Amino acid sequence: MAGPVTVPEGWSEVDGALERTFELEDFKTALAFVNRVGELAESENHHPDITIQYNRVTLRWWTHTAGGITDRDVELARLSGAL
């Protein structure tokens, strides 16, 4: 089981994951953001759940094998929030 973590600013802990919804200009901008998050995820070999609803993108970072949020999820949430 994952231990206690500090939730990054702008993120919430929801059902054992770090979650944040980003509201972007339009679908094209949202898709470009998702692609940047995808590049980060691939480079780290750690992948969030991603939901796109037109100009809104929701990211959920958590580690299945740890049963919740790890320090790695916190770091990747911070990094993806800066994209």
N, C-alpha and C. Protein backbone atom coordinates (compact mmCIF):
# COMPACT_ATOMS: atom_id res chain seq x y z
N MET A 1 0.84 -1.19 0.00
CA MET A 1 0.00 0.00 0.00
C MET A 1 0.88 1.25 0.00
N ALA A 2 0.49 2.25 -0.77
CA ALA A 2 1.25 3.50 -0.82
C ALA A 2 1.11 4.25 0.50
N GLY A 3 2.16 4.99 0.85
CA GLY A 3 2.14 5.73 2.10
C GLY A 3 1.54 7.12 1.92
N PRO A 4 1.52 7.93 3.00
CA PRO A 4 0.98 9.28 2.90
C PRO A 4 1.83 10.14 1.97
N VAL A 5 1.17 11.00 1.22
CA VAL A 5 1.87 11.87 0.27
C VAL A 5 1.38 13.30 0.44
N THR A 6 2.17 14.22 -0.04
CA THR A 6 1.77 15.62 -0.10
C THR A 6 1.14 15.86 -1.46
N VAL A 7 -0.11 16.27 -1.46
CA VAL A 7 -0.82 16.51 -2.71
C VAL A 7 -0.34 17.83 -3.30
N PRO A 8 0.13 17.80 -4.56
CA PRO A 8 0.62 19.04 -5.18
C PRO A 8 -0.50 20.08 -5.32
N GLU A 9 -0.11 21.33 -5.31
CA GLU A 9 -1.06 22.42 -5.47
C GLU A 9 -1.85 22.26 -6.77
N GLY A 10 -3.15 22.43 -6.68
CA GLY A 10 -4.02 22.33 -7.85
C GLY A 10 -4.57 20.93 -8.07
N TRP A 11 -4.04 19.95 -7.35
CA TRP A 11 -4.46 18.56 -7.48
C TRP A 11 -5.30 18.16 -6.28
N SER A 12 -6.10 17.10 -6.46
CA SER A 12 -6.89 16.54 -5.37
C SER A 12 -6.62 15.06 -5.28
N GLU A 13 -6.80 14.51 -4.09
CA GLU A 13 -6.73 13.07 -3.92
C GLU A 13 -8.15 12.54 -4.04
N VAL A 14 -8.38 11.73 -5.07
CA VAL A 14 -9.71 11.19 -5.34
C VAL A 14 -9.60 9.68 -5.53
N ASP A 15 -10.23 8.94 -4.66
CA ASP A 15 -10.25 7.48 -4.77
C ASP A 15 -8.85 6.88 -4.96
N GLY A 16 -7.89 7.35 -4.18
CA GLY A 16 -6.55 6.77 -4.22
C GLY A 16 -5.69 7.20 -5.38
N ALA A 17 -6.06 8.31 -6.03
CA ALA A 17 -5.26 8.83 -7.15
C ALA A 17 -5.17 10.35 -7.03
N LEU A 18 -4.13 10.91 -7.64
CA LEU A 18 -4.03 12.36 -7.78
C LEU A 18 -4.82 12.74 -9.02
N GLU A 19 -5.74 13.66 -8.87
CA GLU A 19 -6.61 14.02 -10.00
C GLU A 19 -6.66 15.53 -10.16
N ARG A 20 -6.69 15.94 -11.43
CA ARG A 20 -6.81 17.36 -11.75
C ARG A 20 -7.44 17.49 -13.12
N THR A 21 -8.35 18.45 -13.25
CA THR A 21 -8.96 18.75 -14.54
C THR A 21 -8.42 20.09 -15.02
N PHE A 22 -7.91 20.08 -16.23
CA PHE A 22 -7.37 21.28 -16.87
C PHE A 22 -8.39 21.76 -17.89
N GLU A 23 -8.73 23.04 -17.86
CA GLU A 23 -9.62 23.62 -18.86
C GLU A 23 -8.76 24.43 -19.82
N LEU A 24 -8.78 24.03 -21.09
CA LEU A 24 -7.94 24.64 -22.10
C LEU A 24 -8.79 25.43 -23.09
N GLU A 25 -8.15 26.06 -24.04
CA GLU A 25 -8.83 26.96 -24.96
C GLU A 25 -9.87 26.25 -25.83
N ASP A 26 -9.49 25.11 -26.39
CA ASP A 26 -10.37 24.38 -27.31
C ASP A 26 -9.87 22.95 -27.42
N PHE A 27 -10.52 22.15 -28.26
CA PHE A 27 -10.15 20.75 -28.39
C PHE A 27 -8.72 20.57 -28.91
N LYS A 28 -8.34 21.38 -29.88
CA LYS A 28 -7.00 21.27 -30.45
C LYS A 28 -5.93 21.51 -29.38
N THR A 29 -6.14 22.51 -28.54
CA THR A 29 -5.20 22.82 -27.46
C THR A 29 -5.19 21.70 -26.42
N ALA A 30 -6.36 21.17 -26.12
CA ALA A 30 -6.46 20.06 -25.16
C ALA A 30 -5.71 18.84 -25.69
N LEU A 31 -5.87 18.54 -26.96
CA LEU A 31 -5.20 17.40 -27.56
C LEU A 31 -3.68 17.58 -27.55
N ALA A 32 -3.21 18.79 -27.82
CA ALA A 32 -1.77 19.08 -27.77
C ALA A 32 -1.24 18.87 -26.35
N PHE A 33 -2.01 19.29 -25.35
CA PHE A 33 -1.62 19.09 -23.96
C PHE A 33 -1.53 17.60 -23.64
N VAL A 34 -2.53 16.83 -24.08
CA VAL A 34 -2.52 15.39 -23.86
C VAL A 34 -1.28 14.76 -24.51
N ASN A 35 -0.92 15.22 -25.69
CA ASN A 35 0.28 14.69 -26.35
C ASN A 35 1.54 14.99 -25.55
N ARG A 36 1.62 16.18 -24.95
CA ARG A 36 2.79 16.52 -24.11
C ARG A 36 2.82 15.63 -22.87
N VAL A 37 1.66 15.41 -22.26
CA VAL A 37 1.59 14.52 -21.10
C VAL A 37 1.99 13.11 -21.52
N GLY A 38 1.54 12.68 -22.70
CA GLY A 38 1.90 11.36 -23.22
C GLY A 38 3.40 11.20 -23.41
N GLU A 39 4.05 12.24 -23.91
CA GLU A 39 5.51 12.19 -24.08
C GLU A 39 6.20 12.06 -22.73
N LEU A 40 5.73 12.82 -21.74
CA LEU A 40 6.28 12.72 -20.39
C LEU A 40 6.07 11.31 -19.84
N ALA A 41 4.86 10.80 -19.98
CA ALA A 41 4.54 9.47 -19.46
C ALA A 41 5.40 8.39 -20.11
N GLU A 42 5.58 8.47 -21.41
CA GLU A 42 6.41 7.49 -22.10
C GLU A 42 7.86 7.58 -21.66
N SER A 43 8.37 8.81 -21.48
CA SER A 43 9.77 8.96 -21.08
C SER A 43 10.00 8.42 -19.67
N GLU A 44 8.97 8.42 -18.83
CA GLU A 44 9.08 7.94 -17.46
C GLU A 44 8.56 6.51 -17.30
N ASN A 45 7.99 5.95 -18.37
CA ASN A 45 7.38 4.62 -18.34
C ASN A 45 6.38 4.51 -17.18
N HIS A 46 5.55 5.54 -17.06
CA HIS A 46 4.53 5.59 -16.00
C HIS A 46 3.38 6.42 -16.57
N HIS A 47 2.20 5.87 -16.63
CA HIS A 47 1.13 6.44 -17.45
C HIS A 47 -0.11 6.77 -16.63
N PRO A 48 -0.63 8.00 -16.80
CA PRO A 48 -1.85 8.38 -16.08
C PRO A 48 -3.09 7.91 -16.83
N ASP A 49 -4.21 7.92 -16.13
CA ASP A 49 -5.50 7.81 -16.80
C ASP A 49 -5.80 9.20 -17.33
N ILE A 50 -6.28 9.28 -18.56
CA ILE A 50 -6.55 10.57 -19.20
C ILE A 50 -7.96 10.55 -19.78
N THR A 51 -8.73 11.60 -19.48
CA THR A 51 -10.05 11.78 -20.05
C THR A 51 -10.08 13.13 -20.75
N ILE A 52 -10.57 13.14 -21.99
CA ILE A 52 -10.71 14.39 -22.74
C ILE A 52 -12.19 14.63 -22.99
N GLN A 53 -12.66 15.81 -22.63
CA GLN A 53 -14.02 16.23 -22.92
C GLN A 53 -13.93 17.62 -23.54
N TYR A 54 -13.89 17.65 -24.87
CA TYR A 54 -13.69 18.85 -25.67
C TYR A 54 -12.47 19.64 -25.20
N ASN A 55 -12.63 20.66 -24.35
CA ASN A 55 -11.48 21.47 -23.94
C ASN A 55 -11.06 21.17 -22.50
N ARG A 56 -11.60 20.11 -21.93
CA ARG A 56 -11.27 19.74 -20.55
C ARG A 56 -10.53 18.40 -20.55
N VAL A 57 -9.39 18.39 -19.85
CA VAL A 57 -8.58 17.17 -19.75
C VAL A 57 -8.44 16.84 -18.27
N THR A 58 -8.82 15.63 -17.90
CA THR A 58 -8.65 15.16 -16.53
C THR A 58 -7.54 14.12 -16.51
N LEU A 59 -6.56 14.35 -15.64
CA LEU A 59 -5.46 13.42 -15.43
C LEU A 59 -5.61 12.77 -14.07
N ARG A 60 -5.31 11.48 -14.00
CA ARG A 60 -5.29 10.74 -12.74
C ARG A 60 -3.99 9.96 -12.67
N TRP A 61 -3.13 10.33 -11.72
CA TRP A 61 -1.87 9.64 -11.50
C TRP A 61 -2.00 8.76 -10.27
N TRP A 62 -1.64 7.48 -10.40
CA TRP A 62 -1.61 6.54 -9.28
C TRP A 62 -0.81 5.33 -9.71
N THR A 63 -0.39 4.54 -8.75
CA THR A 63 0.43 3.37 -9.05
C THR A 63 -0.33 2.11 -8.63
N HIS A 64 -0.77 1.37 -9.61
CA HIS A 64 -1.56 0.15 -9.37
C HIS A 64 -0.83 -0.82 -8.44
N THR A 65 0.45 -1.05 -8.73
CA THR A 65 1.19 -2.05 -7.95
C THR A 65 1.40 -1.62 -6.50
N ALA A 66 1.32 -0.31 -6.22
CA ALA A 66 1.48 0.18 -4.85
C ALA A 66 0.13 0.35 -4.16
N GLY A 67 -0.94 0.24 -4.92
CA GLY A 67 -2.27 0.39 -4.34
C GLY A 67 -2.64 1.83 -4.03
N GLY A 68 -2.04 2.78 -4.73
CA GLY A 68 -2.38 4.18 -4.49
C GLY A 68 -1.31 5.12 -5.02
N ILE A 69 -1.20 6.25 -4.36
CA ILE A 69 -0.31 7.33 -4.79
C ILE A 69 1.09 7.13 -4.21
N THR A 70 2.09 7.27 -5.06
CA THR A 70 3.49 7.18 -4.63
C THR A 70 4.18 8.53 -4.88
N ASP A 71 5.41 8.64 -4.40
CA ASP A 71 6.19 9.86 -4.65
C ASP A 71 6.36 10.09 -6.14
N ARG A 72 6.47 9.02 -6.90
CA ARG A 72 6.61 9.14 -8.36
C ARG A 72 5.37 9.79 -8.97
N ASP A 73 4.19 9.41 -8.49
CA ASP A 73 2.95 10.02 -8.98
C ASP A 73 2.91 11.51 -8.66
N VAL A 74 3.36 11.86 -7.45
CA VAL A 74 3.38 13.26 -7.05
C VAL A 74 4.29 14.05 -7.97
N GLU A 75 5.47 13.51 -8.25
CA GLU A 75 6.42 14.21 -9.13
C GLU A 75 5.87 14.35 -10.55
N LEU A 76 5.27 13.31 -11.07
CA LEU A 76 4.74 13.38 -12.43
C LEU A 76 3.50 14.28 -12.50
N ALA A 77 2.73 14.35 -11.43
CA ALA A 77 1.61 15.29 -11.38
C ALA A 77 2.15 16.73 -11.45
N ARG A 78 3.19 16.99 -10.66
CA ARG A 78 3.79 18.35 -10.70
C ARG A 78 4.31 18.66 -12.10
N LEU A 79 5.03 17.72 -12.69
CA LEU A 79 5.59 17.95 -14.03
C LEU A 79 4.50 18.15 -15.07
N SER A 80 3.46 17.32 -15.03
CA SER A 80 2.41 17.45 -16.04
C SER A 80 1.61 18.73 -15.83
N GLY A 81 1.52 19.18 -14.59
CA GLY A 81 0.83 20.45 -14.33
C GLY A 81 1.57 21.65 -14.88
N ALA A 82 2.85 21.49 -15.15
CA ALA A 82 3.67 22.59 -15.68
C ALA A 82 3.76 22.57 -17.20
N LEU A 83 3.14 21.57 -17.84
CA LEU A 83 3.22 21.47 -19.30
C LEU A 83 2.29 22.48 -19.92
